[in-house]
Protein backbone atom coordinates (compact mmCIF):
# COMPACT_ATOMS: atom_id res chain seq x y z
CA MET A 1 86.49 29.10 97.90
CA LYS A 2 89.29 31.61 98.58
CA SER A 3 89.35 34.54 96.18
CA ARG A 4 92.42 34.96 94.07
CA LYS A 5 93.74 38.20 92.59
CA PRO A 6 94.13 38.19 88.82
CA PRO A 7 97.83 37.79 87.88
CA VAL A 8 98.05 41.27 86.39
CA LEU A 9 96.46 42.90 89.45
CA ALA A 10 98.69 40.86 91.80
CA ALA A 11 101.75 41.96 89.87
CA ALA A 12 100.66 45.61 90.04
CA VAL A 13 100.06 45.38 93.78
CA LEU A 14 103.46 43.71 94.27
CA SER A 15 105.16 46.31 92.11
CA ALA A 16 103.57 49.18 94.03
CA SER A 17 104.48 47.53 97.32
CA LEU A 18 108.08 47.03 96.23
CA GLY A 19 108.24 50.62 94.97
CA PHE A 20 107.02 51.97 98.32
CA THR A 21 109.47 49.74 100.18
CA ALA A 22 112.33 50.83 97.95
CA THR A 23 111.50 54.50 98.56
CA ALA A 24 111.30 53.97 102.29
CA CYS A 25 114.59 52.04 102.29
CA ASP A 26 116.28 54.72 100.20
CA ALA A 27 115.20 57.36 102.69
CA GLN A 28 116.41 55.23 105.61
CA VAL A 29 119.91 54.81 104.19
CA TYR A 30 120.09 58.35 102.77
CA PRO A 31 122.64 59.74 102.28
CA SER A 32 125.07 57.07 101.16
CA LYS A 33 127.20 59.09 98.72
CA THR A 34 128.47 62.57 97.94
CA ILE A 35 125.94 65.41 97.74
CA ARG A 36 126.21 68.42 95.41
CA MET A 37 125.11 71.89 96.56
CA VAL A 38 124.43 74.04 93.48
CA VAL A 39 124.81 77.79 93.78
CA PRO A 40 123.41 79.69 90.76
CA ILE A 41 125.76 82.61 91.46
CA GLY A 42 129.56 82.82 91.16
CA ALA A 43 131.98 82.20 94.01
CA GLY A 44 132.75 84.90 96.55
CA GLY A 45 129.29 86.30 97.26
CA GLY A 46 126.93 85.89 100.18
CA THR A 47 125.00 82.98 98.63
CA ASP A 48 128.20 81.09 98.01
CA SER A 49 129.39 81.75 101.55
CA MET A 50 126.09 80.59 103.08
CA ALA A 51 126.03 77.47 100.91
CA ARG A 52 129.53 76.52 102.07
CA LEU A 53 128.68 77.13 105.73
CA ILE A 54 125.57 74.92 105.68
CA ALA A 55 127.26 72.33 103.46
CA GLN A 56 130.15 71.98 105.91
CA ARG A 57 127.83 71.60 108.91
CA LEU A 58 125.51 69.11 107.15
CA SER A 59 128.50 67.14 105.93
CA GLU A 60 129.62 66.67 109.52
CA GLN A 61 126.15 65.68 110.67
CA LEU A 62 125.32 63.35 107.76
CA GLY A 63 128.78 61.78 107.44
CA VAL A 64 129.14 62.37 103.69
CA THR A 65 130.97 64.91 101.56
CA ILE A 66 128.92 67.90 100.35
CA PHE A 67 130.64 70.02 97.72
CA VAL A 68 129.51 73.36 96.34
CA GLU A 69 129.14 73.75 92.59
CA ASN A 70 128.85 77.31 91.24
CA ARG A 71 126.78 77.72 88.06
CA PRO A 72 126.38 81.48 87.52
CA GLY A 73 124.77 83.30 84.62
CA ALA A 74 121.67 85.20 83.47
CA GLY A 75 120.85 86.50 86.94
CA THR A 76 120.78 82.95 88.45
CA VAL A 77 118.56 81.54 85.68
CA ILE A 78 121.22 79.31 84.06
CA GLY A 79 122.11 77.51 87.27
CA THR A 80 118.50 77.27 88.41
CA GLU A 81 117.34 75.79 85.11
CA TYR A 82 120.15 73.24 85.25
CA PHE A 83 119.20 72.34 88.81
CA SER A 84 115.50 71.96 87.96
CA LYS A 85 116.43 69.13 85.58
CA THR A 86 118.62 67.14 87.96
CA THR A 87 117.54 63.79 89.40
CA PRO A 88 115.27 64.26 92.43
CA ASP A 89 117.05 61.82 94.70
CA GLY A 90 118.37 64.14 97.36
CA TYR A 91 121.93 64.11 96.06
CA THR A 92 121.69 67.51 94.32
CA LEU A 93 120.53 70.46 96.41
CA MET A 94 120.61 74.22 95.84
CA THR A 95 120.91 77.36 97.94
CA VAL A 96 119.27 80.53 96.64
CA ALA A 97 118.88 84.18 97.67
CA PRO A 98 116.31 86.90 96.81
CA GLU A 99 117.23 86.76 93.11
CA PHE A 100 115.23 83.54 92.91
CA SER A 101 112.04 85.39 93.83
CA ILE A 102 112.82 88.45 91.70
CA GLN A 103 113.45 86.69 88.41
CA PRO A 104 109.82 85.58 87.85
CA ASN A 105 108.85 89.26 87.73
CA LEU A 106 111.56 90.20 85.25
CA ARG A 107 111.31 87.58 82.51
CA LYS A 108 109.70 84.42 81.23
CA LEU A 109 111.55 81.56 82.91
CA PRO A 110 112.41 78.09 81.56
CA TYR A 111 111.12 76.61 84.86
CA ASP A 112 108.26 77.15 87.29
CA PRO A 113 109.64 78.78 90.47
CA ILE A 114 107.23 76.84 92.68
CA LYS A 115 106.16 73.63 90.91
CA ASP A 116 109.65 72.58 89.80
CA PHE A 117 111.20 72.63 93.27
CA SER A 118 110.80 71.16 96.76
CA PHE A 119 111.73 73.76 99.36
CA ILE A 120 113.55 72.30 102.35
CA THR A 121 113.90 75.28 104.68
CA GLN A 122 114.64 78.98 104.89
CA LEU A 123 118.13 79.04 106.31
CA THR A 124 118.54 82.68 107.32
CA SER A 125 117.23 86.24 107.01
CA GLY A 126 119.37 89.33 106.65
CA GLN A 127 119.83 92.64 104.90
CA TYR A 128 122.23 94.76 102.86
CA PHE A 129 124.59 97.68 103.41
CA LEU A 130 124.67 100.67 101.11
CA THR A 131 128.44 100.66 100.77
CA THR A 132 130.63 103.26 99.09
CA HIS A 133 134.31 103.46 98.21
CA PRO A 134 136.08 105.60 100.89
CA THR A 135 137.00 108.23 98.31
CA VAL A 136 133.34 109.00 97.60
CA PRO A 137 132.79 112.22 99.64
CA VAL A 138 129.72 111.09 101.60
CA LYS A 139 129.10 109.62 105.03
CA THR A 140 125.31 109.76 105.26
CA VAL A 141 122.35 108.88 103.03
CA GLN A 142 121.42 112.56 102.85
CA GLN A 143 124.88 113.46 101.57
CA PHE A 144 124.83 110.55 99.14
CA LEU A 145 121.48 111.58 97.63
CA ALA A 146 122.61 115.21 97.38
CA LEU A 147 125.68 114.09 95.46
CA ALA A 148 123.60 111.85 93.17
CA LYS A 149 121.23 114.75 92.39
CA ALA A 150 124.16 117.09 91.74
CA ARG A 151 125.72 114.58 89.33
CA PRO A 152 122.82 112.96 87.45
CA GLY A 153 123.89 109.96 85.40
CA GLN A 154 127.45 110.04 86.75
CA ILE A 155 127.30 107.99 89.98
CA THR A 156 127.91 104.27 89.29
CA PHE A 157 126.68 101.32 91.26
CA GLY A 158 127.63 97.65 90.89
CA SER A 159 125.57 94.51 91.34
CA SER A 160 125.91 90.75 91.13
CA GLY A 161 124.08 90.82 87.80
CA ASN A 162 121.01 92.09 86.02
CA GLY A 163 117.92 91.20 88.02
CA SER A 164 119.84 90.60 91.22
CA ALA A 165 118.57 91.94 94.56
CA ASN A 166 121.30 94.57 94.75
CA HIS A 167 120.54 95.66 91.17
CA LEU A 168 116.85 96.02 91.97
CA ALA A 169 117.65 97.82 95.23
CA GLY A 170 119.57 100.39 93.23
CA VAL A 171 116.70 100.82 90.78
CA MET A 172 114.31 101.14 93.69
CA LEU A 173 116.41 103.83 95.35
CA GLN A 174 116.47 105.86 92.15
CA HIS A 175 112.73 105.48 91.71
CA MET A 176 111.95 106.58 95.27
CA THR A 177 114.36 109.51 95.32
CA GLY A 178 114.18 110.87 91.79
CA THR A 179 117.87 110.26 91.15
CA LYS A 180 119.58 108.84 88.05
CA MET A 181 122.59 106.55 88.43
CA ILE A 182 124.47 104.12 86.20
CA HIS A 183 124.16 100.38 86.80
CA VAL A 184 127.29 98.26 86.22
CA PRO A 185 126.43 94.52 86.37
CA TYR A 186 129.02 91.86 87.25
CA LYS A 187 128.86 88.07 87.06
CA SER A 188 128.51 87.76 90.83
CA ALA A 189 128.85 89.69 94.06
CA GLY A 190 132.52 88.73 94.41
CA PRO A 191 133.76 90.62 91.31
CA ALA A 192 131.37 93.51 92.03
CA GLY A 193 132.72 93.83 95.58
CA ALA A 194 136.29 93.71 94.28
CA ALA A 195 135.45 96.50 91.79
CA LEU A 196 134.03 98.63 94.59
CA ILE A 197 137.10 98.09 96.77
CA GLY A 198 139.27 98.98 93.79
CA GLY A 199 137.38 102.21 93.18
CA GLU A 200 136.02 101.16 89.75
CA ILE A 201 132.45 101.92 90.88
CA ASP A 202 131.06 104.37 93.43
CA PHE A 203 128.68 102.28 95.50
CA MET A 204 126.88 98.99 95.83
CA PHE A 205 124.18 97.33 97.90
CA SER A 206 126.42 94.74 99.52
CA ASN A 207 125.27 91.70 101.44
CA VAL A 208 126.15 92.33 105.07
CA ALA A 209 127.68 88.87 105.29
CA SER A 210 130.21 89.56 102.54
CA ALA A 211 130.83 93.24 103.29
CA ILE A 212 131.21 93.46 107.05
CA ALA A 213 134.90 92.52 107.12
CA HIS A 214 135.73 95.15 104.46
CA VAL A 215 133.71 97.77 106.34
CA ARG A 216 135.56 97.07 109.58
CA SER A 217 138.93 97.18 107.81
CA GLY A 218 138.11 100.58 106.25
CA ARG A 219 138.24 99.38 102.67
CA LEU A 220 134.52 100.11 102.33
CA ARG A 221 132.21 102.60 104.04
CA ALA A 222 128.73 101.47 105.12
CA ILE A 223 126.52 104.54 105.20
CA ALA A 224 123.23 102.70 105.77
CA SER A 225 121.49 99.33 105.90
CA THR A 226 118.37 98.25 104.10
CA GLY A 227 116.37 96.41 106.77
CA PRO A 228 113.30 97.54 108.73
CA LYS A 229 115.63 97.99 111.71
CA ARG A 230 119.38 98.27 112.22
CA THR A 231 121.42 95.11 111.86
CA PRO A 232 122.77 93.73 115.18
CA VAL A 233 126.19 93.21 113.59
CA ALA A 234 126.60 96.99 113.06
CA PRO A 235 124.03 98.85 115.21
CA GLU A 236 125.86 102.12 114.61
CA VAL A 237 124.85 102.04 110.91
CA PRO A 238 121.38 103.62 110.43
CA THR A 239 118.79 102.27 108.06
CA ILE A 240 117.97 104.00 104.77
CA ALA A 241 114.32 104.27 105.88
CA GLU A 242 115.12 106.10 109.09
CA SER A 243 117.79 108.27 107.44
CA ALA A 244 116.11 109.77 104.41
CA VAL A 245 113.82 107.42 102.44
CA PRO A 246 110.82 106.22 104.50
CA GLY A 247 109.50 102.89 103.30
CA PHE A 248 112.75 101.77 101.64
CA VAL A 249 113.25 98.20 102.89
CA VAL A 250 115.10 95.39 101.12
CA THR A 251 115.72 92.21 103.10
CA GLY A 252 117.72 89.17 102.17
CA PHE A 253 117.33 85.46 102.75
CA PHE A 254 118.88 82.12 101.91
CA ILE A 255 116.74 79.07 101.20
CA MET A 256 117.79 75.49 100.56
CA MET A 257 115.83 73.38 98.09
CA ALA A 258 115.70 70.16 96.11
CA PRO A 259 114.23 69.33 92.68
CA ALA A 260 110.48 68.60 92.60
CA GLY A 261 109.74 64.95 93.09
CA THR A 262 112.38 64.39 95.77
CA PRO A 263 110.93 61.80 98.21
CA ARG A 264 109.13 63.37 101.17
CA GLU A 265 111.14 61.26 103.58
CA ILE A 266 114.41 62.75 102.25
CA ILE A 267 113.03 66.28 102.37
CA ALA A 268 111.98 65.68 105.98
CA LYS A 269 115.43 64.36 106.90
CA LEU A 270 117.20 67.27 105.24
CA ASN A 271 114.86 69.69 106.99
CA ALA A 272 115.51 68.16 110.40
CA GLU A 273 119.28 68.12 109.86
CA SER A 274 119.28 71.71 108.60
CA VAL A 275 117.28 72.91 111.60
CA LYS A 276 119.70 71.07 113.87
CA ALA A 277 122.64 72.71 112.14
CA LEU A 278 121.12 76.19 112.41
CA GLN A 279 120.47 75.66 116.11
CA SER A 280 124.07 74.67 116.83
CA THR A 281 125.97 77.21 118.89
CA ALA A 282 128.92 77.27 116.51
CA LEU A 283 126.88 78.07 113.41
CA LYS A 284 124.62 80.58 115.21
CA GLU A 285 127.70 82.47 116.42
CA ARG A 286 129.19 82.42 112.93
CA LEU A 287 125.97 83.70 111.36
CA ALA A 288 125.73 86.46 113.96
CA THR A 289 129.15 87.80 112.95
CA LEU A 290 127.81 87.99 109.37
CA GLY A 291 124.64 89.83 110.30
CA LEU A 292 122.46 86.81 109.56
CA GLU A 293 119.64 85.43 111.71
CA PRO A 294 118.94 81.66 111.55
CA VAL A 295 115.40 80.64 110.59
CA GLY A 296 115.04 76.89 110.04
CA ASN A 297 111.31 76.66 109.28
CA SER A 298 109.31 73.80 107.81
CA PRO A 299 109.19 72.91 104.08
CA GLU A 300 105.61 74.20 103.97
CA ALA A 301 106.57 77.50 105.62
CA ALA A 302 109.53 77.89 103.27
CA THR A 303 107.25 77.37 100.27
CA THR A 304 104.73 79.93 101.54
CA PHE A 305 107.58 82.38 102.18
CA ILE A 306 108.88 82.09 98.61
CA GLN A 307 105.38 82.54 97.17
CA GLY A 308 105.03 85.69 99.26
CA GLU A 309 108.42 87.03 98.12
CA ILE A 310 107.56 86.52 94.46
CA ALA A 311 104.28 88.39 94.98
CA LYS A 312 106.00 91.13 96.95
CA TRP A 313 108.49 91.95 94.22
CA ALA A 314 105.91 92.12 91.41
CA PRO A 315 104.58 95.65 92.10
CA VAL A 316 108.08 96.87 93.04
CA VAL A 317 109.53 95.74 89.71
CA LYS A 318 106.59 97.24 87.81
CA ALA A 319 106.73 100.57 89.67
CA ALA A 320 110.49 100.84 89.34
CA GLY A 321 110.50 99.81 85.67
CA ALA A 322 113.28 97.32 86.34
CA LYS A 323 114.25 95.04 83.49
CA ASN A 324 116.88 92.46 82.68
CA ASP A 325 118.94 94.57 80.36
């Protein structure tokens, strides 16, 4: 006699089979509608600019509209928490910067920075300029530090918010040089940059991508960069480490991610398309003008990178005494 599966077991097998087929089919036809790209920082900063660049390129490749949705607040936490609760179907993505890896060391978060997300790829790597308003009477890091020591508690620096990378870079600089400066947080890098150009604050650690045009026009002065080596976009600008503060290195990055639970097939497709976009001549040339280097690694490598960044900032935050004030 031929064996027969019990009705309940047969139904379960059929259901599982249909579920697998549906997932596979969804991945094959993905994307079939508009995609949102969440940015947990306000418009006008480097993260916003990078998100729009990759969204435009992916939109052309995938044949669907990808629009950027800014959700700033609480040092990126508000937008990130919102994103963590969106449907994991590949139609809501997010682009983040170093703030994502700093926040876990500053506060208790309403999400798990690793378990609640599926990392698609690291888009780029880059660094920051130490930029001053042209009226600040310094042209070198040595002169800047001398001025800060002569005027303790009087020099002001802006940031894209409490707990942001440029906030923490400022705290780090004070800790390593024994200086005391006043932090002025803004809602995002855009307003902070505008305040610096307007002379409302003295200096800022500005993302090279968003500051380079203002530096070249003379509206801002870049006295140093924060990378381990000089940025190719402005090789005449020395690093802080080589100038006066050995060991001072703050690098930037942009990573694209999806909510945890997004089908592996969709993550794989987004990864492949992102790598393709980053390898395109047009985008590579555009990134080069912004001082950014394309990466385009695997989801696994991107996850390992974020884990390393979170671990890297932990002792820095503790040593510097940085807090979300």
